[in-house]
Amino acid sequence: MTAVKVLIVDDEQELASALAERLNIRGFDASAVYCGEDALPFIRAVDIPDVVLVDIKMPTQGGMETLAAIKEFDPDIEVILFTCYGTGRSKNYGRKGKPFDFIMKPSDINEITKKINNAAAKRLTVGKQGTNPDELVKNIHGTNEAR
C-alpha cells in the first residue's frame, strides 16, 4: 500500500516541520506549509494529499477559510483541524464543508496518526461500493503504526 499523503498547514513553523518529520518517520508522506494561503497552491502544484491538518488560528487566512478552499477544490480531501481553543464541534460550517475531525494542541503522536489513518481510510472508500472501511483502517494502521 502506498504511503498516506499528509499536508500540515500551520503558522508555527517549528511545530509543522517537526510534525511532518515525525509522520515521515512513521511511514507517511508528509509535507508542511506555513500559512493558509500556501495550502491550495501547494496542493495544486505539488501533490494532492489524502489528509490535510490545518491550524484553526493563523494570521490572514485562518483554518476555516483554508478548509473552505480545500473542500471547494476537492471535496474528498479529508481535513482535520488543529486547535488550542476547544473542539469547535458545534460550529455551523455551512458552505465551508465539515472537517473530518479535530485535534487539540498539543496532542500525542499516536492520537494524530490514528485520526490521519481513519481520515485516509474514509477518503479511500469514497465512491467504492463494497469496500470494508474497517479493513482499510487495519491495512493503513499496519503500515503507519507509531514507532
N, C-alpha and C. Protein backbone atom coordinates (compact mmCIF):
# COMPACT_ATOMS: atom_id res chain seq x y z
N MET A 1 0.85 -1.18 0.00
CA MET A 1 0.00 0.00 0.00
C MET A 1 0.89 1.24 0.00
N THR A 2 0.51 2.25 -0.76
CA THR A 2 1.31 3.47 -0.82
C THR A 2 1.12 4.28 0.45
N ALA A 3 2.09 5.13 0.73
CA ALA A 3 2.04 5.95 1.93
C ALA A 3 0.89 6.95 1.86
N VAL A 4 0.28 7.19 3.00
CA VAL A 4 -0.77 8.20 3.10
C VAL A 4 -0.11 9.58 2.98
N LYS A 5 -0.64 10.41 2.07
CA LYS A 5 -0.09 11.75 1.84
C LYS A 5 -0.77 12.73 2.78
N VAL A 6 0.04 13.46 3.54
CA VAL A 6 -0.46 14.39 4.54
C VAL A 6 0.17 15.76 4.31
N LEU A 7 -0.67 16.79 4.34
CA LEU A 7 -0.17 18.17 4.30
C LEU A 7 -0.51 18.82 5.63
N ILE A 8 0.47 19.45 6.25
CA ILE A 8 0.29 20.17 7.51
C ILE A 8 0.31 21.66 7.19
N VAL A 9 -0.71 22.37 7.66
CA VAL A 9 -0.81 23.81 7.43
C VAL A 9 -0.86 24.48 8.78
N ASP A 10 0.24 25.14 9.16
CA ASP A 10 0.33 25.76 10.48
C ASP A 10 1.36 26.87 10.43
N ASP A 11 1.01 28.03 11.00
CA ASP A 11 1.95 29.15 11.01
C ASP A 11 3.08 28.96 12.02
N GLU A 12 2.97 28.01 12.91
CA GLU A 12 4.06 27.67 13.83
C GLU A 12 5.01 26.74 13.07
N GLN A 13 6.01 27.33 12.43
CA GLN A 13 6.87 26.59 11.52
C GLN A 13 7.59 25.43 12.19
N GLU A 14 8.11 25.64 13.38
CA GLU A 14 8.83 24.56 14.06
C GLU A 14 7.90 23.38 14.35
N LEU A 15 6.69 23.67 14.80
CA LEU A 15 5.73 22.61 15.08
C LEU A 15 5.36 21.85 13.80
N ALA A 16 5.06 22.58 12.74
CA ALA A 16 4.66 21.95 11.48
C ALA A 16 5.79 21.10 10.90
N SER A 17 7.02 21.61 10.93
CA SER A 17 8.16 20.86 10.41
C SER A 17 8.44 19.62 11.24
N ALA A 18 8.38 19.77 12.56
CA ALA A 18 8.62 18.62 13.45
C ALA A 18 7.55 17.55 13.27
N LEU A 19 6.31 17.97 13.15
CA LEU A 19 5.23 17.00 12.96
C LEU A 19 5.38 16.29 11.62
N ALA A 20 5.72 17.01 10.57
CA ALA A 20 5.93 16.38 9.26
C ALA A 20 7.07 15.35 9.35
N GLU A 21 8.13 15.71 10.04
CA GLU A 21 9.26 14.79 10.21
C GLU A 21 8.85 13.53 10.97
N ARG A 22 8.10 13.72 12.06
CA ARG A 22 7.64 12.57 12.86
C ARG A 22 6.70 11.67 12.05
N LEU A 23 5.85 12.26 11.24
CA LEU A 23 4.94 11.47 10.41
C LEU A 23 5.72 10.71 9.33
N ASN A 24 6.71 11.36 8.74
CA ASN A 24 7.53 10.69 7.72
C ASN A 24 8.27 9.49 8.32
N ILE A 25 8.76 9.62 9.53
CA ILE A 25 9.43 8.51 10.22
C ILE A 25 8.47 7.33 10.38
N ARG A 26 7.18 7.63 10.55
CA ARG A 26 6.17 6.59 10.74
C ARG A 26 5.59 6.06 9.44
N GLY A 27 6.18 6.44 8.32
CA GLY A 27 5.76 5.87 7.04
C GLY A 27 4.77 6.69 6.24
N PHE A 28 4.41 7.86 6.73
CA PHE A 28 3.53 8.75 5.97
C PHE A 28 4.38 9.53 4.97
N ASP A 29 3.74 10.15 4.00
CA ASP A 29 4.39 11.06 3.07
C ASP A 29 3.89 12.46 3.44
N ALA A 30 4.60 13.11 4.37
CA ALA A 30 4.11 14.37 4.95
C ALA A 30 4.94 15.56 4.49
N SER A 31 4.24 16.67 4.26
CA SER A 31 4.84 17.95 3.90
C SER A 31 4.19 19.02 4.76
N ALA A 32 4.81 20.20 4.80
CA ALA A 32 4.24 21.30 5.58
C ALA A 32 4.32 22.60 4.80
N VAL A 33 3.30 23.43 4.98
CA VAL A 33 3.32 24.82 4.55
C VAL A 33 2.95 25.65 5.77
N TYR A 34 3.31 26.93 5.75
CA TYR A 34 3.26 27.71 6.98
C TYR A 34 2.23 28.83 7.00
N CYS A 35 1.29 28.79 6.06
CA CYS A 35 0.15 29.71 6.11
C CYS A 35 -0.97 29.15 5.25
N GLY A 36 -2.17 29.57 5.58
CA GLY A 36 -3.33 29.08 4.86
C GLY A 36 -3.30 29.40 3.38
N GLU A 37 -2.74 30.57 3.04
CA GLU A 37 -2.70 30.98 1.63
C GLU A 37 -1.83 30.06 0.78
N ASP A 38 -0.88 29.36 1.39
CA ASP A 38 0.01 28.48 0.64
C ASP A 38 -0.54 27.07 0.45
N ALA A 39 -1.59 26.72 1.18
CA ALA A 39 -2.10 25.35 1.14
C ALA A 39 -2.62 24.95 -0.25
N LEU A 40 -3.54 25.72 -0.79
CA LEU A 40 -4.13 25.36 -2.08
C LEU A 40 -3.12 25.41 -3.22
N PRO A 41 -2.27 26.44 -3.32
CA PRO A 41 -1.25 26.41 -4.38
C PRO A 41 -0.33 25.19 -4.26
N PHE A 42 0.01 24.78 -3.04
CA PHE A 42 0.84 23.59 -2.84
C PHE A 42 0.09 22.35 -3.35
N ILE A 43 -1.17 22.25 -2.97
CA ILE A 43 -1.98 21.09 -3.39
C ILE A 43 -2.09 21.04 -4.92
N ARG A 44 -2.31 22.18 -5.53
CA ARG A 44 -2.45 22.22 -6.99
C ARG A 44 -1.13 21.93 -7.71
N ALA A 45 -0.04 22.49 -7.21
CA ALA A 45 1.24 22.41 -7.91
C ALA A 45 2.07 21.18 -7.56
N VAL A 46 2.00 20.73 -6.33
CA VAL A 46 2.91 19.69 -5.87
C VAL A 46 2.24 18.32 -5.83
N ASP A 47 1.22 18.19 -5.01
CA ASP A 47 0.62 16.87 -4.84
C ASP A 47 -0.70 17.00 -4.09
N ILE A 48 -1.67 16.20 -4.48
CA ILE A 48 -2.95 16.20 -3.78
C ILE A 48 -2.84 15.25 -2.59
N PRO A 49 -2.99 15.77 -1.38
CA PRO A 49 -2.87 14.91 -0.20
C PRO A 49 -4.15 14.13 0.05
N ASP A 50 -4.01 13.07 0.83
CA ASP A 50 -5.19 12.33 1.29
C ASP A 50 -5.83 13.06 2.46
N VAL A 51 -4.98 13.64 3.32
CA VAL A 51 -5.43 14.29 4.55
C VAL A 51 -4.65 15.59 4.72
N VAL A 52 -5.36 16.63 5.17
CA VAL A 52 -4.71 17.91 5.48
C VAL A 52 -5.00 18.24 6.94
N LEU A 53 -3.94 18.55 7.69
CA LEU A 53 -4.07 19.02 9.07
C LEU A 53 -3.93 20.53 9.04
N VAL A 54 -4.94 21.25 9.52
CA VAL A 54 -4.96 22.71 9.41
C VAL A 54 -5.16 23.34 10.78
N ASP A 55 -4.29 24.28 11.12
CA ASP A 55 -4.45 25.05 12.35
C ASP A 55 -5.63 26.01 12.16
N ILE A 56 -6.49 26.10 13.16
CA ILE A 56 -7.65 26.99 13.04
C ILE A 56 -7.23 28.45 13.10
N LYS A 57 -6.34 28.79 14.04
CA LYS A 57 -5.94 30.19 14.23
C LYS A 57 -4.61 30.47 13.54
N MET A 58 -4.68 31.19 12.43
CA MET A 58 -3.49 31.63 11.71
C MET A 58 -3.72 33.07 11.26
N PRO A 59 -2.63 33.83 11.13
CA PRO A 59 -2.80 35.20 10.63
C PRO A 59 -3.35 35.18 9.19
N THR A 60 -3.97 36.20 8.81
CA THR A 60 -4.60 36.39 7.49
C THR A 60 -5.61 35.28 7.20
N GLN A 61 -5.26 34.23 6.47
CA GLN A 61 -6.24 33.18 6.15
C GLN A 61 -6.20 32.10 7.21
N GLY A 62 -7.27 32.02 7.99
CA GLY A 62 -7.35 31.04 9.07
C GLY A 62 -7.77 29.67 8.59
N GLY A 63 -7.93 28.78 9.54
CA GLY A 63 -8.25 27.40 9.25
C GLY A 63 -9.59 27.20 8.57
N MET A 64 -10.60 27.96 8.96
CA MET A 64 -11.92 27.79 8.36
C MET A 64 -11.92 28.19 6.88
N GLU A 65 -11.22 29.28 6.57
CA GLU A 65 -11.11 29.71 5.17
C GLU A 65 -10.29 28.70 4.36
N THR A 66 -9.25 28.15 4.98
CA THR A 66 -8.43 27.14 4.31
C THR A 66 -9.24 25.88 4.07
N LEU A 67 -10.02 25.48 5.06
CA LEU A 67 -10.91 24.32 4.91
C LEU A 67 -11.85 24.54 3.72
N ALA A 68 -12.47 25.72 3.66
CA ALA A 68 -13.40 26.01 2.57
C ALA A 68 -12.72 25.94 1.21
N ALA A 69 -11.51 26.50 1.10
CA ALA A 69 -10.79 26.49 -0.17
C ALA A 69 -10.43 25.07 -0.60
N ILE A 70 -9.99 24.25 0.36
CA ILE A 70 -9.63 22.86 0.05
C ILE A 70 -10.86 22.08 -0.39
N LYS A 71 -11.96 22.22 0.36
CA LYS A 71 -13.18 21.47 0.03
C LYS A 71 -13.78 21.92 -1.30
N GLU A 72 -13.62 23.20 -1.65
CA GLU A 72 -14.10 23.68 -2.94
C GLU A 72 -13.26 23.07 -4.07
N PHE A 73 -11.96 22.95 -3.85
CA PHE A 73 -11.06 22.36 -4.84
C PHE A 73 -11.31 20.86 -5.00
N ASP A 74 -11.40 20.16 -3.87
CA ASP A 74 -11.61 18.70 -3.89
C ASP A 74 -12.35 18.30 -2.62
N PRO A 75 -13.66 18.11 -2.71
CA PRO A 75 -14.44 17.80 -1.50
C PRO A 75 -14.08 16.48 -0.84
N ASP A 76 -13.33 15.62 -1.54
CA ASP A 76 -12.97 14.32 -0.97
C ASP A 76 -11.69 14.36 -0.14
N ILE A 77 -10.94 15.46 -0.18
CA ILE A 77 -9.76 15.58 0.69
C ILE A 77 -10.27 15.73 2.11
N GLU A 78 -9.77 14.89 3.00
CA GLU A 78 -10.19 14.96 4.40
C GLU A 78 -9.34 15.99 5.14
N VAL A 79 -10.01 16.85 5.91
CA VAL A 79 -9.35 17.92 6.64
C VAL A 79 -9.57 17.71 8.14
N ILE A 80 -8.48 17.75 8.89
CA ILE A 80 -8.52 17.68 10.34
C ILE A 80 -8.03 19.03 10.86
N LEU A 81 -8.79 19.64 11.76
CA LEU A 81 -8.43 20.95 12.28
C LEU A 81 -7.70 20.82 13.61
N PHE A 82 -6.59 21.58 13.73
CA PHE A 82 -5.84 21.72 14.97
C PHE A 82 -6.41 22.89 15.75
N THR A 83 -6.53 22.75 17.05
CA THR A 83 -6.99 23.89 17.84
C THR A 83 -6.48 23.83 19.27
N CYS A 84 -6.28 24.99 19.85
CA CYS A 84 -5.98 25.11 21.29
C CYS A 84 -7.19 25.71 21.99
N TYR A 85 -8.24 25.98 21.25
CA TYR A 85 -9.35 26.78 21.74
C TYR A 85 -10.65 26.01 21.89
N GLY A 86 -10.62 24.74 22.22
CA GLY A 86 -11.83 23.93 22.29
C GLY A 86 -12.04 23.23 20.96
N THR A 87 -12.99 22.33 20.91
CA THR A 87 -13.13 21.48 19.73
C THR A 87 -13.76 22.17 18.55
N GLY A 88 -14.67 23.11 18.76
CA GLY A 88 -15.34 23.73 17.63
C GLY A 88 -16.37 22.83 16.99
N ARG A 89 -16.67 21.70 17.61
CA ARG A 89 -17.58 20.71 17.00
C ARG A 89 -18.98 21.26 16.79
N SER A 90 -19.37 22.27 17.55
CA SER A 90 -20.73 22.77 17.43
C SER A 90 -20.87 23.87 16.39
N LYS A 91 -19.78 24.25 15.73
CA LYS A 91 -19.85 25.31 14.74
C LYS A 91 -20.76 24.94 13.58
N ASN A 92 -21.38 25.95 13.00
CA ASN A 92 -22.16 25.75 11.79
C ASN A 92 -21.22 26.00 10.62
N TYR A 93 -20.82 24.96 9.90
CA TYR A 93 -19.82 25.10 8.85
C TYR A 93 -20.41 25.59 7.54
N GLY A 94 -21.69 25.35 7.33
CA GLY A 94 -22.35 25.84 6.13
C GLY A 94 -21.63 25.44 4.86
N ARG A 95 -21.40 26.37 3.97
CA ARG A 95 -20.79 26.08 2.67
C ARG A 95 -19.33 25.71 2.78
N LYS A 96 -18.71 25.96 3.91
CA LYS A 96 -17.28 25.72 4.07
C LYS A 96 -16.94 24.24 4.06
N GLY A 97 -17.91 23.40 4.33
CA GLY A 97 -17.62 21.98 4.43
C GLY A 97 -17.23 21.63 5.85
N LYS A 98 -17.51 20.42 6.21
CA LYS A 98 -17.26 19.98 7.57
C LYS A 98 -15.90 19.28 7.64
N PRO A 99 -15.11 19.58 8.68
CA PRO A 99 -13.84 18.85 8.83
C PRO A 99 -14.10 17.41 9.24
N PHE A 100 -13.14 16.54 8.95
CA PHE A 100 -13.26 15.14 9.35
C PHE A 100 -13.23 15.03 10.87
N ASP A 101 -12.34 15.80 11.51
CA ASP A 101 -12.19 15.71 12.96
C ASP A 101 -11.40 16.91 13.46
N PHE A 102 -11.17 16.93 14.77
CA PHE A 102 -10.40 17.97 15.44
C PHE A 102 -9.30 17.32 16.26
N ILE A 103 -8.19 18.03 16.39
CA ILE A 103 -7.10 17.59 17.26
C ILE A 103 -6.73 18.78 18.14
N MET A 104 -6.71 18.53 19.44
CA MET A 104 -6.29 19.58 20.38
C MET A 104 -4.77 19.68 20.39
N LYS A 105 -4.27 20.90 20.46
CA LYS A 105 -2.83 21.13 20.61
C LYS A 105 -2.53 21.27 22.09
N PRO A 106 -1.46 20.76 22.60
CA PRO A 106 -0.62 19.74 21.98
C PRO A 106 -1.33 18.40 22.02
N SER A 107 -0.88 17.48 21.19
CA SER A 107 -1.52 16.18 21.10
C SER A 107 -0.48 15.08 20.94
N ASP A 108 -0.83 13.91 21.40
CA ASP A 108 0.03 12.75 21.31
C ASP A 108 0.14 12.29 19.86
N ILE A 109 1.33 11.91 19.42
CA ILE A 109 1.54 11.49 18.04
C ILE A 109 0.69 10.27 17.70
N ASN A 110 0.43 9.40 18.66
CA ASN A 110 -0.40 8.22 18.39
C ASN A 110 -1.84 8.62 18.09
N GLU A 111 -2.35 9.63 18.79
CA GLU A 111 -3.70 10.13 18.51
C GLU A 111 -3.75 10.76 17.11
N ILE A 112 -2.72 11.51 16.78
CA ILE A 112 -2.67 12.17 15.47
C ILE A 112 -2.63 11.12 14.35
N THR A 113 -1.76 10.12 14.49
CA THR A 113 -1.66 9.10 13.43
C THR A 113 -2.95 8.30 13.30
N LYS A 114 -3.60 8.03 14.42
CA LYS A 114 -4.88 7.29 14.37
C LYS A 114 -5.92 8.09 13.59
N LYS A 115 -6.03 9.40 13.87
CA LYS A 115 -7.01 10.22 13.17
C LYS A 115 -6.67 10.38 11.69
N ILE A 116 -5.38 10.48 11.39
CA ILE A 116 -4.97 10.57 9.98
C ILE A 116 -5.34 9.27 9.26
N ASN A 117 -5.03 8.14 9.87
CA ASN A 117 -5.36 6.85 9.26
C ASN A 117 -6.86 6.68 9.04
N ASN A 118 -7.66 7.09 10.01
CA ASN A 118 -9.12 6.99 9.88
C ASN A 118 -9.62 7.90 8.75
N ALA A 119 -9.05 9.10 8.66
CA ALA A 119 -9.45 10.02 7.60
C ALA A 119 -9.03 9.48 6.23
N ALA A 120 -7.83 8.91 6.16
CA ALA A 120 -7.36 8.34 4.89
C ALA A 120 -8.23 7.16 4.47
N ALA A 121 -8.62 6.33 5.43
CA ALA A 121 -9.50 5.19 5.12
C ALA A 121 -10.83 5.68 4.57
N LYS A 122 -11.35 6.76 5.16
CA LYS A 122 -12.62 7.31 4.66
C LYS A 122 -12.44 7.82 3.23
N ARG A 123 -11.35 8.51 2.98
CA ARG A 123 -11.10 9.04 1.62
C ARG A 123 -11.00 7.89 0.62
N LEU A 124 -10.35 6.81 1.00
CA LEU A 124 -10.20 5.66 0.10
C LEU A 124 -11.52 4.98 -0.20
N THR A 125 -12.49 5.08 0.70
CA THR A 125 -13.77 4.40 0.50
C THR A 125 -14.76 5.23 -0.30
N VAL A 126 -14.48 6.51 -0.51
CA VAL A 126 -15.41 7.38 -1.23
C VAL A 126 -15.62 6.83 -2.63
N GLY A 127 -16.87 6.52 -2.93
CA GLY A 127 -17.23 6.05 -4.26
C GLY A 127 -16.91 4.59 -4.53
N LYS A 128 -16.46 3.85 -3.51
CA LYS A 128 -16.12 2.45 -3.71
C LYS A 128 -17.12 1.57 -2.98
N GLN A 129 -18.14 1.14 -3.67
CA GLN A 129 -19.16 0.26 -3.10
C GLN A 129 -18.53 -1.07 -2.71
N GLY A 130 -18.94 -1.62 -1.58
CA GLY A 130 -18.46 -2.92 -1.15
C GLY A 130 -17.12 -2.91 -0.46
N THR A 131 -16.53 -1.72 -0.27
CA THR A 131 -15.26 -1.63 0.43
C THR A 131 -15.51 -1.65 1.92
N ASN A 132 -14.73 -2.43 2.65
CA ASN A 132 -14.86 -2.52 4.09
C ASN A 132 -13.93 -1.50 4.74
N PRO A 133 -14.49 -0.39 5.30
CA PRO A 133 -13.64 0.65 5.89
C PRO A 133 -12.79 0.12 7.05
N ASP A 134 -13.30 -0.83 7.83
CA ASP A 134 -12.52 -1.38 8.94
C ASP A 134 -11.27 -2.08 8.44
N GLU A 135 -11.39 -2.78 7.33
CA GLU A 135 -10.23 -3.48 6.76
C GLU A 135 -9.21 -2.47 6.24
N LEU A 136 -9.69 -1.38 5.62
CA LEU A 136 -8.77 -0.35 5.16
C LEU A 136 -8.01 0.28 6.32
N VAL A 137 -8.71 0.56 7.43
CA VAL A 137 -8.05 1.14 8.59
C VAL A 137 -6.99 0.18 9.11
N LYS A 138 -7.30 -1.13 9.17
CA LYS A 138 -6.31 -2.11 9.62
C LYS A 138 -5.09 -2.09 8.71
N ASN A 139 -5.31 -2.05 7.41
CA ASN A 139 -4.19 -2.03 6.47
C ASN A 139 -3.35 -0.77 6.62
N ILE A 140 -4.01 0.36 6.78
CA ILE A 140 -3.29 1.62 6.95
C ILE A 140 -2.55 1.61 8.27
N HIS A 141 -3.22 1.21 9.35
CA HIS A 141 -2.57 1.15 10.66
C HIS A 141 -1.37 0.22 10.63
N GLY A 142 -1.47 -0.85 9.88
CA GLY A 142 -0.37 -1.80 9.82
C GLY A 142 0.89 -1.19 9.24
N THR A 143 0.76 -0.20 8.36
CA THR A 143 1.94 0.41 7.74
C THR A 143 2.39 1.68 8.44
N ASN A 144 1.54 2.27 9.27
CA ASN A 144 1.87 3.57 9.87
C ASN A 144 1.76 3.59 11.39
N GLU A 145 1.93 2.47 12.03
CA GLU A 145 1.85 2.46 13.49
C GLU A 145 3.00 3.25 14.08
N ALA A 146 2.79 3.75 15.28
CA ALA A 146 3.84 4.52 15.97
C ALA A 146 5.06 3.65 16.16
N ARG A 147 6.21 4.24 15.92
CA ARG A 147 7.49 3.53 16.08
C ARG A 147 8.31 4.23 17.12
